[in-house]
């Protein structure tokens, strides 16, 4: 199904208040046309829609950078696991680099891996 940008924005707003149908529709878009969500990643982050992480499969450098900045800033202790999963799903080189760095220098709120 071809979703206009305004429809995707509305689905995101519904997902932000835990509308399961909206989350399912966004998940279907992520599964079938993940690039369609790229222009909407900012809104997803702004509204704290971090689950499911597959919504960020095609995250660009701007989105990944925002997430890395949040993690490095230590402002996300309750959301840290979701943000790390989001980065893993993105498979972006910036995410990989940050995760390698965090393996030896964990971000604030995270304990070192031993």
N, C-alpha and C. Protein backbone atom coordinates (compact mmCIF):
# COMPACT_ATOMS: atom_id res chain seq x y z
N UNK A 1 0.84 -1.18 0.00
CA UNK A 1 0.00 0.00 0.00
C UNK A 1 0.88 1.24 0.00
N UNK A 2 0.49 2.23 -0.77
CA UNK A 2 1.24 3.47 -0.86
C UNK A 2 0.71 4.45 0.19
N UNK A 3 1.54 4.75 1.17
CA UNK A 3 1.15 5.65 2.26
C UNK A 3 1.68 7.05 1.99
N UNK A 4 0.81 8.05 1.89
CA UNK A 4 1.29 9.42 1.80
C UNK A 4 1.99 9.81 3.10
N UNK A 5 2.87 10.77 3.00
CA UNK A 5 3.64 11.23 4.15
C UNK A 5 2.74 11.63 5.33
N UNK A 6 1.64 12.29 5.05
CA UNK A 6 0.75 12.72 6.12
C UNK A 6 0.12 11.53 6.85
N UNK A 7 -0.13 10.44 6.13
CA UNK A 7 -0.69 9.24 6.75
C UNK A 7 0.35 8.59 7.66
N UNK A 8 1.59 8.54 7.20
CA UNK A 8 2.66 7.98 8.04
C UNK A 8 2.83 8.82 9.29
N UNK A 9 2.81 10.14 9.16
CA UNK A 9 2.90 11.01 10.34
C UNK A 9 1.78 10.72 11.32
N UNK A 10 0.57 10.52 10.81
CA UNK A 10 -0.56 10.23 11.69
C UNK A 10 -0.40 8.86 12.36
N UNK A 11 0.10 7.88 11.63
CA UNK A 11 0.37 6.57 12.23
C UNK A 11 1.40 6.70 13.36
N UNK A 12 2.41 7.52 13.15
CA UNK A 12 3.43 7.72 14.18
C UNK A 12 2.82 8.36 15.42
N UNK A 13 1.98 9.36 15.22
CA UNK A 13 1.33 10.02 16.36
C UNK A 13 0.44 9.03 17.13
N UNK A 14 -0.22 8.15 16.42
CA UNK A 14 -1.03 7.13 17.08
C UNK A 14 -0.15 6.11 17.80
N UNK A 15 0.95 5.73 17.17
CA UNK A 15 1.87 4.79 17.80
C UNK A 15 2.45 5.36 19.09
N UNK A 16 2.62 6.67 19.12
CA UNK A 16 3.17 7.33 20.31
C UNK A 16 2.26 7.19 21.53
N UNK A 17 0.99 6.92 21.29
CA UNK A 17 0.05 6.69 22.39
C UNK A 17 -0.36 5.22 22.44
N UNK A 18 0.55 4.37 21.95
CA UNK A 18 0.41 2.91 22.03
C UNK A 18 -0.76 2.32 21.26
N UNK A 19 -1.10 2.91 20.13
CA UNK A 19 -2.13 2.35 19.25
C UNK A 19 -1.52 1.16 18.52
N UNK A 20 -1.92 -0.04 18.91
CA UNK A 20 -1.33 -1.27 18.35
C UNK A 20 -1.54 -1.39 16.84
N UNK A 21 -2.69 -0.96 16.34
CA UNK A 21 -2.94 -1.03 14.90
C UNK A 21 -1.96 -0.14 14.14
N UNK A 22 -1.69 1.04 14.67
CA UNK A 22 -0.74 1.96 14.03
C UNK A 22 0.66 1.37 14.06
N UNK A 23 1.03 0.77 15.19
CA UNK A 23 2.35 0.14 15.30
C UNK A 23 2.47 -1.01 14.30
N UNK A 24 1.41 -1.78 14.15
CA UNK A 24 1.42 -2.87 13.17
C UNK A 24 1.57 -2.34 11.75
N UNK A 25 0.89 -1.26 11.42
CA UNK A 25 1.01 -0.69 10.07
C UNK A 25 2.41 -0.14 9.83
N UNK A 26 2.96 0.54 10.81
CA UNK A 26 4.33 1.05 10.68
C UNK A 26 5.32 -0.10 10.55
N UNK A 27 5.08 -1.18 11.28
CA UNK A 27 5.94 -2.36 11.19
C UNK A 27 5.89 -2.97 9.79
N UNK A 28 4.70 -3.00 9.21
CA UNK A 28 4.56 -3.52 7.85
C UNK A 28 5.33 -2.65 6.85
N UNK A 29 5.26 -1.34 7.04
CA UNK A 29 6.03 -0.44 6.17
C UNK A 29 7.52 -0.73 6.35
N UNK A 30 7.97 -0.88 7.60
CA UNK A 30 9.38 -1.16 7.88
C UNK A 30 9.82 -2.48 7.25
N UNK A 31 8.93 -3.45 7.23
CA UNK A 31 9.26 -4.75 6.64
C UNK A 31 9.35 -4.69 5.12
N UNK A 32 8.43 -3.94 4.50
CA UNK A 32 8.30 -3.96 3.04
C UNK A 32 8.97 -2.80 2.32
N UNK A 33 8.98 -1.64 2.93
CA UNK A 33 9.57 -0.45 2.31
C UNK A 33 10.24 0.42 3.36
N UNK A 34 11.29 -0.07 3.99
CA UNK A 34 11.89 0.67 5.10
C UNK A 34 12.35 2.08 4.75
N UNK A 35 12.72 2.30 3.50
CA UNK A 35 13.17 3.65 3.10
C UNK A 35 12.06 4.68 3.19
N UNK A 36 10.80 4.25 3.16
CA UNK A 36 9.67 5.19 3.25
C UNK A 36 9.63 5.86 4.63
N UNK A 37 10.25 5.23 5.62
CA UNK A 37 10.22 5.80 6.97
C UNK A 37 11.37 6.78 7.23
N UNK A 38 12.36 6.82 6.36
CA UNK A 38 13.52 7.69 6.58
C UNK A 38 13.11 9.14 6.89
N UNK A 39 12.23 9.76 6.11
CA UNK A 39 11.89 11.15 6.41
C UNK A 39 11.10 11.32 7.71
N UNK A 40 10.68 10.22 8.30
CA UNK A 40 9.84 10.26 9.50
C UNK A 40 10.59 9.86 10.77
N UNK A 41 11.86 9.50 10.63
CA UNK A 41 12.62 9.07 11.80
C UNK A 41 12.73 10.18 12.85
N UNK A 42 12.85 11.41 12.42
CA UNK A 42 12.92 12.52 13.37
C UNK A 42 11.67 12.60 14.23
N UNK A 43 10.51 12.46 13.60
CA UNK A 43 9.25 12.49 14.34
C UNK A 43 9.15 11.28 15.27
N UNK A 44 9.57 10.12 14.79
CA UNK A 44 9.56 8.93 15.65
C UNK A 44 10.38 9.18 16.91
N UNK A 45 11.58 9.75 16.74
CA UNK A 45 12.42 10.04 17.90
C UNK A 45 11.81 11.12 18.78
N UNK A 46 11.29 12.17 18.15
CA UNK A 46 10.70 13.27 18.92
C UNK A 46 9.55 12.80 19.79
N UNK A 47 8.78 11.84 19.29
CA UNK A 47 7.63 11.33 20.02
C UNK A 47 7.97 10.09 20.85
N UNK A 48 9.26 9.75 20.88
CA UNK A 48 9.74 8.64 21.69
C UNK A 48 9.16 7.29 21.27
N UNK A 49 8.96 7.12 19.97
CA UNK A 49 8.51 5.83 19.44
C UNK A 49 9.77 5.06 19.07
N UNK A 50 10.19 4.21 19.98
CA UNK A 50 11.44 3.47 19.81
C UNK A 50 11.21 1.98 19.58
N UNK A 51 9.98 1.57 19.67
CA UNK A 51 9.67 0.14 19.54
C UNK A 51 8.58 -0.06 18.52
N UNK A 52 8.72 -0.98 17.64
CA UNK A 52 9.82 -1.92 17.49
C UNK A 52 11.01 -1.26 16.80
N UNK A 53 12.21 -1.71 17.12
CA UNK A 53 13.41 -1.07 16.56
C UNK A 53 13.53 -1.21 15.05
N UNK A 54 12.82 -2.18 14.46
CA UNK A 54 12.92 -2.34 13.01
C UNK A 54 12.39 -1.13 12.25
N UNK A 55 11.67 -0.23 12.93
CA UNK A 55 11.22 1.00 12.29
C UNK A 55 12.40 1.85 11.82
N UNK A 56 13.57 1.58 12.37
CA UNK A 56 14.78 2.37 12.07
C UNK A 56 15.76 1.62 11.18
N UNK A 57 15.29 0.59 10.48
CA UNK A 57 16.18 -0.22 9.63
C UNK A 57 16.97 0.59 8.63
N UNK A 58 16.40 1.63 8.10
CA UNK A 58 17.07 2.43 7.07
C UNK A 58 17.51 3.78 7.60
N UNK A 59 17.74 3.88 8.90
CA UNK A 59 18.09 5.17 9.49
C UNK A 59 19.31 5.77 8.81
N UNK A 60 19.23 7.06 8.57
CA UNK A 60 20.34 7.76 7.93
C UNK A 60 21.30 8.31 8.99
N UNK A 61 22.36 8.96 8.53
CA UNK A 61 23.39 9.47 9.42
C UNK A 61 22.83 10.49 10.42
N UNK A 62 21.89 11.30 10.00
CA UNK A 62 21.31 12.29 10.90
C UNK A 62 20.59 11.62 12.06
N UNK A 63 19.76 10.63 11.76
CA UNK A 63 19.01 9.92 12.80
C UNK A 63 19.97 9.18 13.73
N UNK A 64 20.90 8.44 13.16
CA UNK A 64 21.86 7.68 13.96
C UNK A 64 22.67 8.64 14.83
N UNK A 65 23.07 9.76 14.27
CA UNK A 65 23.82 10.76 15.04
C UNK A 65 23.04 11.29 16.23
N UNK A 66 21.74 11.53 16.02
CA UNK A 66 20.90 12.00 17.12
C UNK A 66 20.84 10.98 18.24
N UNK A 67 20.70 9.72 17.87
CA UNK A 67 20.61 8.66 18.88
C UNK A 67 21.95 8.52 19.63
N UNK A 68 23.04 8.53 18.90
CA UNK A 68 24.36 8.44 19.53
C UNK A 68 24.57 9.60 20.49
N UNK A 69 24.17 10.78 20.08
CA UNK A 69 24.30 11.96 20.94
C UNK A 69 23.50 11.80 22.23
N UNK A 70 22.29 11.27 22.11
CA UNK A 70 21.46 11.04 23.30
C UNK A 70 22.14 10.04 24.24
N UNK A 71 22.66 8.97 23.68
CA UNK A 71 23.31 7.95 24.50
C UNK A 71 24.58 8.51 25.13
N UNK A 72 25.41 9.17 24.34
CA UNK A 72 26.64 9.74 24.88
C UNK A 72 26.37 10.79 25.94
N UNK A 73 25.25 11.50 25.81
CA UNK A 73 24.91 12.54 26.78
C UNK A 73 24.38 12.00 28.09
N UNK A 74 24.10 10.69 28.15
CA UNK A 74 23.63 10.08 29.38
C UNK A 74 22.23 10.52 29.78
N UNK A 75 21.48 11.05 28.83
CA UNK A 75 20.13 11.55 29.13
C UNK A 75 19.06 10.48 28.96
N UNK A 76 19.47 9.24 28.75
CA UNK A 76 18.48 8.23 28.36
C UNK A 76 18.56 6.94 29.16
N UNK A 77 18.83 6.98 30.46
CA UNK A 77 19.04 5.70 31.15
C UNK A 77 17.86 4.74 31.06
N UNK A 78 16.64 5.23 31.06
CA UNK A 78 15.48 4.34 30.99
C UNK A 78 15.22 3.84 29.58
N UNK A 79 15.78 4.53 28.60
CA UNK A 79 15.55 4.18 27.20
C UNK A 79 16.78 3.57 26.54
N UNK A 80 17.84 3.39 27.30
CA UNK A 80 19.12 2.97 26.74
C UNK A 80 19.02 1.68 25.94
N UNK A 81 18.36 0.68 26.49
CA UNK A 81 18.26 -0.61 25.77
C UNK A 81 17.56 -0.44 24.43
N UNK A 82 16.47 0.32 24.41
CA UNK A 82 15.75 0.52 23.15
C UNK A 82 16.59 1.30 22.15
N UNK A 83 17.31 2.31 22.63
CA UNK A 83 18.15 3.09 21.72
C UNK A 83 19.28 2.24 21.14
N UNK A 84 19.86 1.37 21.94
CA UNK A 84 20.92 0.49 21.44
C UNK A 84 20.38 -0.49 20.41
N UNK A 85 19.20 -1.02 20.66
CA UNK A 85 18.58 -1.91 19.67
C UNK A 85 18.28 -1.17 18.38
N UNK A 86 17.79 0.02 18.51
CA UNK A 86 17.50 0.86 17.34
C UNK A 86 18.77 1.03 16.49
N UNK A 87 19.89 1.32 17.15
CA UNK A 87 21.15 1.47 16.42
C UNK A 87 21.56 0.16 15.77
N UNK A 88 21.37 -0.94 16.46
CA UNK A 88 21.73 -2.24 15.88
C UNK A 88 20.90 -2.52 14.63
N UNK A 89 19.62 -2.22 14.68
CA UNK A 89 18.77 -2.44 13.50
C UNK A 89 19.15 -1.52 12.34
N UNK A 90 19.66 -0.35 12.66
CA UNK A 90 20.01 0.59 11.58
C UNK A 90 21.16 0.05 10.73
N UNK A 91 22.06 -0.70 11.35
CA UNK A 91 23.24 -1.23 10.67
C UNK A 91 24.05 -0.13 9.98
N UNK A 92 23.94 1.08 10.48
CA UNK A 92 24.65 2.22 9.89
C UNK A 92 26.10 2.20 10.38
N UNK A 93 27.05 2.58 9.53
CA UNK A 93 28.46 2.60 9.94
C UNK A 93 28.72 3.47 11.18
N UNK A 94 28.00 4.56 11.34
CA UNK A 94 28.17 5.39 12.54
C UNK A 94 27.74 4.63 13.80
N UNK A 95 26.69 3.85 13.67
CA UNK A 95 26.22 3.05 14.81
C UNK A 95 27.26 1.99 15.16
N UNK A 96 27.81 1.35 14.14
CA UNK A 96 28.83 0.33 14.39
C UNK A 96 30.04 0.93 15.08
N UNK A 97 30.46 2.09 14.62
CA UNK A 97 31.61 2.78 15.21
C UNK A 97 31.34 3.13 16.68
N UNK A 98 30.16 3.65 16.96
CA UNK A 98 29.81 4.02 18.33
C UNK A 98 29.78 2.78 19.22
N UNK A 99 29.23 1.69 18.72
CA UNK A 99 29.16 0.48 19.53
C UNK A 99 30.55 -0.09 19.81
N UNK A 100 31.44 0.02 18.85
CA UNK A 100 32.82 -0.43 19.09
C UNK A 100 33.46 0.44 20.18
N UNK A 101 33.23 1.73 20.11
CA UNK A 101 33.77 2.66 21.11
C UNK A 101 33.19 2.34 22.48
N UNK A 102 31.89 2.11 22.54
CA UNK A 102 31.24 1.84 23.82
C UNK A 102 31.67 0.50 24.42
N UNK A 103 32.19 -0.40 23.59
CA UNK A 103 32.67 -1.68 24.12
C UNK A 103 33.84 -1.47 25.07
N UNK A 104 34.62 -0.43 24.85
CA UNK A 104 35.76 -0.14 25.74
C UNK A 104 35.52 1.08 26.61
N UNK A 105 34.64 1.96 26.18
CA UNK A 105 34.30 3.17 26.95
C UNK A 105 32.78 3.28 27.00
N UNK A 106 32.15 2.57 27.92
CA UNK A 106 30.68 2.56 27.96
C UNK A 106 30.09 3.96 28.15
N UNK A 107 28.94 4.19 27.54
CA UNK A 107 28.28 5.49 27.73
C UNK A 107 27.77 5.61 29.17
N UNK A 108 27.47 6.82 29.55
CA UNK A 108 26.93 7.08 30.89
C UNK A 108 25.71 6.21 31.13
N UNK A 109 25.63 5.63 32.30
CA UNK A 109 24.48 4.81 32.66
C UNK A 109 24.61 3.36 32.27
N UNK A 110 25.76 2.99 31.74
CA UNK A 110 25.96 1.62 31.27
C UNK A 110 27.21 1.06 31.95
N UNK A 111 27.17 -0.19 32.35
CA UNK A 111 28.33 -0.80 32.96
C UNK A 111 29.20 -1.47 31.90
N UNK A 112 30.50 -1.51 32.12
CA UNK A 112 31.39 -2.14 31.14
C UNK A 112 31.08 -3.62 30.97
N UNK A 113 31.29 -4.11 29.77
CA UNK A 113 31.15 -5.54 29.48
C UNK A 113 32.45 -6.22 29.90
N UNK A 114 32.33 -7.29 30.62
CA UNK A 114 33.55 -7.99 31.07
C UNK A 114 33.61 -9.37 30.48
